Amino acid sequence: MAIAITLKSYLEDQHVDYDVIEHARSYSAQESAHSAHIPAHQVAKAVVLEDANGYVVSIMPASNRLDLEWVNESLGRNLELAQEDELPNLFQDCELGAVPALSNAYGLDIIWDEQLTNASEIYIEAGDHEHLIHLHGDAFCKLVEDQPHNIISAGRDFTRWVSN
Protein backbone atom coordinates (compact mmCIF):
# COMPACT_ATOMS: atom_id res chain seq x y z
CA MET A 1 0.00 0.00 0.00
CA ALA A 2 2.89 2.40 0.84
CA ILE A 3 0.75 5.30 2.12
CA ALA A 4 -2.92 5.57 3.04
CA ILE A 5 -4.87 7.71 0.55
CA THR A 6 -6.45 9.87 3.28
CA LEU A 7 -3.06 10.63 4.77
CA LYS A 8 -1.47 11.30 1.39
CA SER A 9 -4.27 13.73 0.45
CA TYR A 10 -3.97 15.50 3.79
CA LEU A 11 -0.20 16.00 3.44
CA GLU A 12 -0.60 17.24 -0.12
CA ASP A 13 -3.42 19.62 0.88
CA GLN A 14 -1.18 21.00 3.64
CA HIS A 15 1.73 21.37 1.15
CA VAL A 16 4.04 19.27 3.32
CA ASP A 17 7.18 17.67 1.90
CA TYR A 18 7.65 14.09 2.98
CA ASP A 19 9.41 10.88 2.04
CA VAL A 20 8.16 7.31 2.33
CA ILE A 21 10.57 4.91 4.01
CA GLU A 22 10.17 1.17 3.47
CA HIS A 23 11.10 -1.30 6.22
CA ALA A 24 10.61 -4.94 7.12
CA ARG A 25 7.10 -5.77 8.32
CA SER A 26 6.58 -4.75 11.93
CA TYR A 27 3.67 -4.53 14.35
CA SER A 28 4.62 -1.70 16.68
CA ALA A 29 6.14 1.74 16.34
CA GLN A 30 9.14 0.55 18.35
CA GLU A 31 9.66 -2.37 15.92
CA SER A 32 9.25 -0.02 12.94
CA ALA A 33 11.96 2.26 14.34
CA HIS A 34 14.31 -0.68 14.85
CA SER A 35 13.58 -2.15 11.42
CA ALA A 36 14.10 1.20 9.66
CA HIS A 37 17.23 2.00 11.73
CA ILE A 38 15.67 5.15 13.14
CA PRO A 39 15.93 6.31 16.77
CA ALA A 40 12.65 5.42 18.51
CA HIS A 41 12.26 8.94 19.93
CA GLN A 42 11.88 10.19 16.32
CA VAL A 43 8.97 7.84 15.55
CA ALA A 44 5.64 9.32 16.59
CA LYS A 45 3.33 6.52 17.68
CA ALA A 46 -0.42 6.85 17.95
CA VAL A 47 -2.64 5.37 20.65
CA VAL A 48 -6.40 5.58 20.15
CA LEU A 49 -8.44 6.45 23.22
CA GLU A 50 -12.18 6.83 23.77
CA ASP A 51 -14.81 7.91 26.22
CA ALA A 52 -18.51 8.78 26.05
CA ASN A 53 -17.64 11.93 24.08
CA GLY A 54 -15.76 10.10 21.32
CA TYR A 55 -12.24 9.28 20.23
CA VAL A 56 -8.93 11.02 20.82
CA VAL A 57 -5.64 9.89 19.35
CA SER A 58 -2.62 10.48 21.58
CA ILE A 59 0.71 10.96 19.83
CA MET A 60 4.05 10.42 21.55
CA PRO A 61 7.60 9.22 20.88
CA ALA A 62 7.71 5.46 20.25
CA SER A 63 10.35 5.20 22.98
CA ASN A 64 7.80 6.33 25.59
CA ARG A 65 4.76 4.90 27.27
CA LEU A 66 1.49 6.79 27.49
CA ASP A 67 0.39 8.10 30.87
CA LEU A 68 -3.39 7.99 30.58
CA GLU A 69 -3.82 10.00 33.76
CA TRP A 70 -1.79 12.86 32.26
CA VAL A 71 -3.91 12.78 29.10
CA ASN A 72 -7.14 12.87 31.10
CA GLU A 73 -5.85 15.71 33.29
CA SER A 74 -4.83 17.68 30.20
CA LEU A 75 -8.16 17.24 28.42
CA GLY A 76 -10.52 17.07 31.39
CA ARG A 77 -11.88 13.74 30.15
CA ASN A 78 -12.13 10.13 31.25
CA LEU A 79 -10.50 8.38 28.29
CA GLU A 80 -9.58 4.71 28.09
CA LEU A 81 -7.88 2.62 25.42
CA ALA A 82 -10.16 2.05 22.44
CA GLN A 83 -10.91 -1.52 21.41
CA GLU A 84 -8.86 -2.73 18.45
CA ASP A 85 -11.97 -3.94 16.62
CA GLU A 86 -13.19 -0.31 16.44
CA LEU A 87 -10.12 0.89 14.53
CA PRO A 88 -11.08 -0.31 11.01
CA ASN A 89 -14.10 2.02 11.09
CA LEU A 90 -11.88 4.98 12.04
CA PHE A 91 -9.03 4.25 9.62
CA GLN A 92 -10.72 2.57 6.67
CA ASP A 93 -7.75 2.86 4.32
CA CYS A 94 -5.19 1.55 6.83
CA GLU A 95 -4.16 -1.94 7.88
CA LEU A 96 -5.37 -2.94 11.35
CA GLY A 97 -2.98 -1.56 13.96
CA ALA A 98 -1.13 0.80 11.59
CA VAL A 99 -2.65 4.01 12.95
CA PRO A 100 -1.11 7.18 11.47
CA ALA A 101 -0.08 9.71 14.11
CA LEU A 102 -1.60 12.52 12.04
CA SER A 103 -5.07 11.21 12.83
CA ASN A 104 -6.52 14.69 12.46
CA ALA A 105 -6.39 13.83 8.74
CA TYR A 106 -9.22 11.40 9.56
CA GLY A 107 -11.25 14.03 11.39
CA LEU A 108 -10.24 12.73 14.82
CA ASP A 109 -9.22 14.82 17.81
CA ILE A 110 -5.60 14.44 18.83
CA ILE A 111 -3.37 15.32 21.74
CA TRP A 112 0.36 15.28 21.17
CA ASP A 113 3.33 15.03 23.45
CA GLU A 114 5.45 18.18 23.54
CA GLN A 115 8.58 16.02 23.67
CA LEU A 116 8.16 15.55 19.91
CA THR A 117 9.21 19.17 19.40
CA ASN A 118 12.77 18.09 20.28
CA ALA A 119 13.10 15.81 17.24
CA SER A 120 14.52 17.35 14.09
CA GLU A 121 13.02 14.50 12.05
CA ILE A 122 9.69 12.73 12.68
CA TYR A 123 8.50 9.42 11.26
CA ILE A 124 4.89 8.24 11.41
CA GLU A 125 3.07 5.09 10.33
CA ALA A 126 1.97 5.42 6.71
CA GLY A 127 -1.11 3.21 7.13
CA ASP A 128 0.48 -0.23 6.73
CA HIS A 129 3.11 -2.26 8.58
CA GLU A 130 5.93 -1.77 6.06
CA HIS A 131 6.20 2.00 5.49
CA LEU A 132 6.89 5.14 7.47
CA ILE A 133 6.37 8.74 6.43
CA HIS A 134 9.38 10.95 7.10
CA LEU A 135 8.73 14.62 7.87
CA HIS A 136 10.95 17.40 9.11
CA GLY A 137 10.22 18.05 12.77
CA ASP A 138 9.14 21.63 12.03
CA ALA A 139 6.62 20.41 9.44
CA PHE A 140 5.14 17.92 11.91
CA CYS A 141 4.85 20.60 14.61
CA LYS A 142 3.15 22.97 12.17
CA LEU A 143 0.55 20.28 11.35
CA VAL A 144 -0.33 19.79 15.04
CA GLU A 145 0.44 23.19 16.58
CA ASP A 146 -3.23 24.14 17.03
CA GLN A 147 -4.11 20.83 18.67
CA PRO A 148 -3.99 20.13 22.43
CA HIS A 149 -0.51 19.23 23.66
CA ASN A 150 1.29 18.55 26.90
CA ILE A 151 3.73 16.05 28.35
CA ILE A 152 1.58 12.90 28.14
CA SER A 153 4.20 10.15 28.11
CA ALA A 154 7.46 9.15 29.70
CA GLY A 155 10.39 6.88 28.99
CA ARG A 156 9.94 3.27 29.98
CA ASP A 157 12.34 3.60 32.91
CA PHE A 158 10.42 6.55 34.35
CA THR A 159 9.01 6.14 37.84
CA ARG A 160 6.56 8.61 39.23
CA TRP A 161 7.28 10.36 42.50
CA VAL A 162 4.33 10.46 44.84
CA SER A 163 4.30 12.76 47.85
CA ASN A 164 2.22 11.99 50.90
C-alpha atoms as a PDB file:
ATOM      1  CA  MET A   1       0.000   0.000   0.000  1.00  0.00           C
ATOM      2  CA  ALA A   2       2.886   2.399   0.839  1.00  0.00           C
ATOM      3  CA  ILE A   3       0.748   5.296   2.123  1.00  0.00           C
ATOM      4  CA  ALA A   4      -2.925   5.574   3.041  1.00  0.00           C
ATOM      5  CA  ILE A   5      -4.867   7.706   0.552  1.00  0.00           C
ATOM      6  CA  THR A   6      -6.451   9.867   3.277  1.00  0.00           C
ATOM      7  CA  LEU A   7      -3.064  10.633   4.772  1.00  0.00           C
ATOM      8  CA  LYS A   8      -1.469  11.304   1.389  1.00  0.00           C
ATOM      9  CA  SER A   9      -4.270  13.731   0.446  1.00  0.00           C
ATOM     10  CA  TYR A  10      -3.969  15.498   3.792  1.00  0.00           C
ATOM     11  CA  LEU A  11      -0.202  15.997   3.441  1.00  0.00           C
ATOM     12  CA  GLU A  12      -0.599  17.242  -0.115  1.00  0.00           C
ATOM     13  CA  ASP A  13      -3.423  19.618   0.880  1.00  0.00           C
ATOM     14  CA  GLN A  14      -1.176  20.999   3.636  1.00  0.00           C
ATOM     15  CA  HIS A  15       1.733  21.372   1.151  1.00  0.00           C
ATOM     16  CA  VAL A  16       4.042  19.268   3.319  1.00  0.00           C
ATOM     17  CA  ASP A  17       7.176  17.675   1.903  1.00  0.00           C
ATOM     18  CA  TYR A  18       7.649  14.085   2.976  1.00  0.00           C
ATOM     19  CA  ASP A  19       9.411  10.878   2.037  1.00  0.00           C
ATOM     20  CA  VAL A  20       8.163   7.314   2.333  1.00  0.00           C
ATOM     21  CA  ILE A  21      10.572   4.908   4.014  1.00  0.00           C
ATOM     22  CA  GLU A  22      10.173   1.171   3.471  1.00  0.00           C
ATOM     23  CA  HIS A  23      11.100  -1.301   6.216  1.00  0.00           C
ATOM     24  CA  ALA A  24      10.615  -4.943   7.124  1.00  0.00           C
ATOM     25  CA  ARG A  25       7.096  -5.771   8.318  1.00  0.00           C
ATOM     26  CA  SER A  26       6.576  -4.752  11.933  1.00  0.00           C
ATOM     27  CA  TYR A  27       3.672  -4.528  14.346  1.00  0.00           C
ATOM     28  CA  SER A  28       4.616  -1.704  16.684  1.00  0.00           C
ATOM     29  CA  ALA A  29       6.138   1.744  16.338  1.00  0.00           C
ATOM     30  CA  GLN A  30       9.142   0.549  18.346  1.00  0.00           C
ATOM     31  CA  GLU A  31       9.658  -2.365  15.923  1.00  0.00           C
ATOM     32  CA  SER A  32       9.245  -0.021  12.944  1.00  0.00           C
ATOM     33  CA  ALA A  33      11.960   2.259  14.338  1.00  0.00           C
ATOM     34  CA  HIS A  34      14.307  -0.682  14.849  1.00  0.00           C
ATOM     35  CA  SER A  35      13.578  -2.154  11.419  1.00  0.00           C
ATOM     36  CA  ALA A  36      14.097   1.198   9.661  1.00  0.00           C
ATOM     37  CA  HIS A  37      17.233   1.995  11.725  1.00  0.00           C
ATOM     38  CA  ILE A  38      15.666   5.151  13.141  1.00  0.00           C
ATOM     39  CA  PRO A  39      15.928   6.314  16.769  1.00  0.00           C
ATOM     40  CA  ALA A  40      12.655   5.424  18.509  1.00  0.00           C
ATOM     41  CA  HIS A  41      12.265   8.939  19.926  1.00  0.00           C
ATOM     42  CA  GLN A  42      11.878  10.188  16.319  1.00  0.00           C
ATOM     43  CA  VAL A  43       8.974   7.837  15.547  1.00  0.00           C
ATOM     44  CA  ALA A  44       5.637   9.320  16.591  1.00  0.00           C
ATOM     45  CA  LYS A  45       3.328   6.524  17.676  1.00  0.00           C
ATOM     46  CA  ALA A  46      -0.420   6.851  17.954  1.00  0.00           C
ATOM     47  CA  VAL A  47      -2.642   5.368  20.651  1.00  0.00           C
ATOM     48  CA  VAL A  48      -6.404   5.577  20.151  1.00  0.00           C
ATOM     49  CA  LEU A  49      -8.444   6.449  23.223  1.00  0.00           C
ATOM     50  CA  GLU A  50     -12.177   6.827  23.766  1.00  0.00           C
ATOM     51  CA  ASP A  51     -14.813   7.914  26.222  1.00  0.00           C
ATOM     52  CA  ALA A  52     -18.509   8.776  26.054  1.00  0.00           C
ATOM     53  CA  ASN A  53     -17.636  11.926  24.078  1.00  0.00           C
ATOM     54  CA  GLY A  54     -15.765  10.096  21.318  1.00  0.00           C
ATOM     55  CA  TYR A  55     -12.239   9.281  20.230  1.00  0.00           C
ATOM     56  CA  VAL A  56      -8.935  11.022  20.823  1.00  0.00           C
ATOM     57  CA  VAL A  57      -5.636   9.887  19.347  1.00  0.00           C
ATOM     58  CA  SER A  58      -2.623  10.482  21.582  1.00  0.00           C
ATOM     59  CA  ILE A  59       0.708  10.960  19.827  1.00  0.00           C
ATOM     60  CA  MET A  60       4.048  10.415  21.547  1.00  0.00           C
ATOM     61  CA  PRO A  61       7.601   9.223  20.877  1.00  0.00           C
ATOM     62  CA  ALA A  62       7.711   5.464  20.255  1.00  0.00           C
ATOM     63  CA  SER A  63      10.347   5.197  22.984  1.00  0.00           C
ATOM     64  CA  ASN A  64       7.798   6.328  25.586  1.00  0.00           C
ATOM     65  CA  ARG A  65       4.757   4.901  27.275  1.00  0.00           C
ATOM     66  CA  LEU A  66       1.493   6.790  27.495  1.00  0.00           C
ATOM     67  CA  ASP A  67       0.392   8.100  30.874  1.00  0.00           C
ATOM     68  CA  LEU A  68      -3.393   7.988  30.577  1.00  0.00           C
ATOM     69  CA  GLU A  69      -3.820  10.002  33.765  1.00  0.00           C
ATOM     70  CA  TRP A  70      -1.794  12.864  32.259  1.00  0.00           C
ATOM     71  CA  VAL A  71      -3.914  12.779  29.100  1.00  0.00           C
ATOM     72  CA  ASN A  72      -7.141  12.867  31.101  1.00  0.00           C
ATOM     73  CA  GLU A  73      -5.852  15.707  33.294  1.00  0.00           C
ATOM     74  CA  SER A  74      -4.828  17.681  30.197  1.00  0.00           C
ATOM     75  CA  LEU A  75      -8.155  17.244  28.420  1.00  0.00           C
ATOM     76  CA  GLY A  76     -10.525  17.065  31.395  1.00  0.00           C
ATOM     77  CA  ARG A  77     -11.875  13.743  30.148  1.00  0.00           C
ATOM     78  CA  ASN A  78     -12.131  10.126  31.253  1.00  0.00           C
ATOM     79  CA  LEU A  79     -10.497   8.380  28.290  1.00  0.00           C
ATOM     80  CA  GLU A  80      -9.576   4.710  28.090  1.00  0.00           C
ATOM     81  CA  LEU A  81      -7.884   2.625  25.420  1.00  0.00           C
ATOM     82  CA  ALA A  82     -10.159   2.054  22.438  1.00  0.00           C
ATOM     83  CA  GLN A  83     -10.912  -1.519  21.410  1.00  0.00           C
ATOM     84  CA  GLU A  84      -8.862  -2.726  18.447  1.00  0.00           C
ATOM     85  CA  ASP A  85     -11.971  -3.944  16.615  1.00  0.00           C
ATOM     86  CA  GLU A  86     -13.191  -0.308  16.442  1.00  0.00           C
ATOM     87  CA  LEU A  87     -10.115   0.891  14.529  1.00  0.00           C
ATOM     88  CA  PRO A  88     -11.077  -0.308  11.014  1.00  0.00           C
ATOM     89  CA  ASN A  89     -14.096   2.021  11.093  1.00  0.00           C
ATOM     90  CA  LEU A  90     -11.880   4.981  12.035  1.00  0.00           C
ATOM     91  CA  PHE A  91      -9.025   4.247   9.616  1.00  0.00           C
ATOM     92  CA  GLN A  92     -10.717   2.568   6.668  1.00  0.00           C
ATOM     93  CA  ASP A  93      -7.751   2.865   4.315  1.00  0.00           C
ATOM     94  CA  CYS A  94      -5.187   1.548   6.830  1.00  0.00           C
ATOM     95  CA  GLU A  95      -4.161  -1.936   7.880  1.00  0.00           C
ATOM     96  CA  LEU A  96      -5.367  -2.942  11.346  1.00  0.00           C
ATOM     97  CA  GLY A  97      -2.980  -1.562  13.956  1.00  0.00           C
ATOM     98  CA  ALA A  98      -1.132   0.803  11.588  1.00  0.00           C
ATOM     99  CA  VAL A  99      -2.645   4.008  12.947  1.00  0.00           C
ATOM    100  CA  PRO A 100      -1.106   7.184  11.470  1.00  0.00           C
ATOM    101  CA  ALA A 101      -0.081   9.715  14.105  1.00  0.00           C
ATOM    102  CA  LEU A 102      -1.601  12.517  12.037  1.00  0.00           C
ATOM    103  CA  SER A 103      -5.069  11.211  12.834  1.00  0.00           C
ATOM    104  CA  ASN A 104      -6.516  14.694  12.458  1.00  0.00           C
ATOM    105  CA  ALA A 105      -6.387  13.827   8.735  1.00  0.00           C
ATOM    106  CA  TYR A 106      -9.221  11.399   9.558  1.00  0.00           C
ATOM    107  CA  GLY A 107     -11.251  14.032  11.394  1.00  0.00           C
ATOM    108  CA  LEU A 108     -10.244  12.734  14.824  1.00  0.00           C
ATOM    109  CA  ASP A 109      -9.219  14.819  17.805  1.00  0.00           C
ATOM    110  CA  ILE A 110      -5.598  14.443  18.828  1.00  0.00           C
ATOM    111  CA  ILE A 111      -3.366  15.322  21.743  1.00  0.00           C
ATOM    112  CA  TRP A 112       0.359  15.276  21.169  1.00  0.00           C
ATOM    113  CA  ASP A 113       3.332  15.031  23.455  1.00  0.00           C
ATOM    114  CA  GLU A 114       5.453  18.177  23.542  1.00  0.00           C
ATOM    115  CA  GLN A 115       8.582  16.016  23.674  1.00  0.00           C
ATOM    116  CA  LEU A 116       8.155  15.553  19.912  1.00  0.00           C
ATOM    117  CA  THR A 117       9.213  19.175  19.397  1.00  0.00           C
ATOM    118  CA  ASN A 118      12.768  18.093  20.281  1.00  0.00           C
ATOM    119  CA  ALA A 119      13.098  15.810  17.242  1.00  0.00           C
ATOM    120  CA  SER A 120      14.522  17.352  14.086  1.00  0.00           C
ATOM    121  CA  GLU A 121      13.016  14.498  12.055  1.00  0.00           C
ATOM    122  CA  ILE A 122       9.688  12.733  12.680  1.00  0.00           C
ATOM    123  CA  TYR A 123       8.501   9.417  11.261  1.00  0.00           C
ATOM    124  CA  ILE A 124       4.891   8.236  11.411  1.00  0.00           C
ATOM    125  CA  GLU A 125       3.072   5.093  10.327  1.00  0.00           C
ATOM    126  CA  ALA A 126       1.969   5.418   6.714  1.00  0.00           C
ATOM    127  CA  GLY A 127      -1.107   3.208   7.130  1.00  0.00           C
ATOM    128  CA  ASP A 128       0.479  -0.226   6.730  1.00  0.00           C
ATOM    129  CA  HIS A 129       3.110  -2.256   8.575  1.00  0.00           C
ATOM    130  CA  GLU A 130       5.930  -1.767   6.065  1.00  0.00           C
ATOM    131  CA  HIS A 131       6.198   1.997   5.487  1.00  0.00           C
ATOM    132  CA  LEU A 132       6.886   5.143   7.469  1.00  0.00           C
ATOM    133  CA  ILE A 133       6.375   8.737   6.426  1.00  0.00           C
ATOM    134  CA  HIS A 134       9.376  10.946   7.096  1.00  0.00           C
ATOM    135  CA  LEU A 135       8.728  14.623   7.869  1.00  0.00           C
ATOM    136  CA  HIS A 136      10.954  17.397   9.106  1.00  0.00           C
ATOM    137  CA  GLY A 137      10.223  18.047  12.765  1.00  0.00           C
ATOM    138  CA  ASP A 138       9.143  21.627  12.026  1.00  0.00           C
ATOM    139  CA  ALA A 139       6.623  20.406   9.435  1.00  0.00           C
ATOM    140  CA  PHE A 140       5.141  17.915  11.913  1.00  0.00           C
ATOM    141  CA  CYS A 141       4.852  20.604  14.606  1.00  0.00           C
ATOM    142  CA  LYS A 142       3.147  22.969  12.170  1.00  0.00           C
ATOM    143  CA  LEU A 143       0.546  20.284  11.355  1.00  0.00           C
ATOM    144  CA  VAL A 144      -0.328  19.795  15.035  1.00  0.00           C
ATOM    145  CA  GLU A 145       0.438  23.192  16.583  1.00  0.00           C
ATOM    146  CA  ASP A 146      -3.232  24.142  17.026  1.00  0.00           C
ATOM    147  CA  GLN A 147      -4.113  20.830  18.671  1.00  0.00           C
ATOM    148  CA  PRO A 148      -3.989  20.131  22.432  1.00  0.00           C
ATOM    149  CA  HIS A 149      -0.508  19.230  23.660  1.00  0.00           C
ATOM    150  CA  ASN A 150       1.294  18.553  26.905  1.00  0.00           C
ATOM    151  CA  ILE A 151       3.730  16.046  28.348  1.00  0.00           C
ATOM    152  CA  ILE A 152       1.580  12.897  28.138  1.00  0.00           C
ATOM    153  CA  SER A 153       4.200  10.152  28.106  1.00  0.00           C
ATOM    154  CA  ALA A 154       7.463   9.152  29.699  1.00  0.00           C
ATOM    155  CA  GLY A 155      10.387   6.877  28.989  1.00  0.00           C
ATOM    156  CA  ARG A 156       9.943   3.267  29.980  1.00  0.00           C
ATOM    157  CA  ASP A 157      12.338   3.603  32.911  1.00  0.00           C
ATOM    158  CA  PHE A 158      10.418   6.547  34.352  1.00  0.00           C
ATOM    159  CA  THR A 159       9.015   6.143  37.838  1.00  0.00           C
ATOM    160  CA  ARG A 160       6.560   8.611  39.226  1.00  0.00           C
ATOM    161  CA  TRP A 161       7.281  10.365  42.503  1.00  0.00           C
ATOM    162  CA  VAL A 162       4.330  10.455  44.839  1.00  0.00           C
ATOM    163  CA  SER A 163       4.296  12.760  47.854  1.00  0.00           C
ATOM    164  CA  ASN A 164       2.222  11.986  50.902  1.00  0.00           C
END
